[in-house]
Amino acid sequence: MITQQDYAKAVKYYQLAAKQGYSYVIYNLGLMLYNGKGIKQDYQKAFQCFHQAAEDGLATALYNLGLMYFEGFSKQTEL
């Protein structure tokens, strides 16, 4: 069973790895921010993570970024 404490540990390590520029880690951190798992929910920071990972060509990040645009989480009109 996964506990909230496990999510908090994951966020800690994702943040460390994200500083190294790993796109998949940045994307996963965005998911945790979007869903509020182990960290306070923050759509703006999630959007930034998805955007950064999308710029690196990560297809799943592009998909989630598109969903956020569709759902109106960003007032920007283009990347």
Foldseek 3Di string as FASTA:
>chain_A
DDDLVNQLVLLVVLVVVVVVPDLVSLQVNLVCLCVVRSHDNDNVSSLVSLVSSVVVPDVVSVVVNVVCVVVPVDPDDDD
